[in-house]
Amino acid sequence: MHCSLHVAASRLFFLANKVSSLTEDWGSQPSMSIKTRDTLRSLVVRRSRELGKSMTTLAKEAGISRTYLYGLAGGASQDPSVRTLIKLAKVLQVSPLLLFRYFADLAGAPVDSNSMATTNRAVGLCDSSDIAVFNADVTTPDQTVVLPGEIFQKTWEIQNLGIRPWRGRKLVRIDGEYVIARRTATGAPLEVVMDTHLRSLNNETLIAETLPGQPVHITVEFAAPKETCAVTSIWRIEDEHGQPCYGPEFILHVIVNVMAR
């Protein structure tokens, strides 16, 4: 009960922060509503601690030198090969997609390897050893243009970085609990900018059993409205008892622009 109350109490504050990233910077195509700024170095150091392995051990298992690993994490070693990133991801027990995002966006445009990449990570409300990370929009990235009435699928990839398996979990539609709004410059009440939502085939979908370290794909089928507009749908992860697994800042969403071509 305490965990559920915590979610409800924090929701309004979360929305006030979430929305500016969705509306004021509409063209940036954020992967999620809330983004945690994080460096690749901190990711490597954190996984080193969580796995109980030294940087030297990680480097050896990845087939690279300790110096190169430090350089890669700090941005000094640029343009690593795909093979290197895949091997490092295997050693860190994270999805390669998570590492790729530090060196190129999902569309293939290069970015500065010294810049900080976005990592979306959440710790369980009732179990601090329950850790989830958002890896990528596998299909239908935000701002995708769809036709009026078009049926399409959205697939997200998340990963279990905790120490216990995920069993009996599901992704649940929660559009009715959220609105997309933004703060005004004068500090007036929030201005609602989007309160229409996509139709989905189901209001919930089961998440496949996911062991510690494993990534998992979650797919939902949507139908675009008939009129030209921008619409969204918001989902959260719940346990087998219907309780939210993580705080309101860790959600999965889809935003599309509906227009006739």
Foldseek 3Di string as FASTA:
>chain_A
DVLQVVQVVCVVVLLQQQQCVCPVPVPPQDQASDWDWDFLLVLVVVLCVVVVHDLCRLCVQLVHHSVVVVCQRQQNDPDDDLSSLCSSCVSSLADSLQVVQLAANPVGHGDRNNGTGTKAKFAFSVHRLWIKTWRGWPDQGAAAEDEAFDKDKTKTKMATQGQAKAPQKKKFWDLVSDFRWYADPVRPPTGTDANAAWAWPDRMDTWPIHHHSGMGMDMTMTTHHRDWDKHKTKIFMAGNVRHGGGHPRDIGMYIYTYDDD
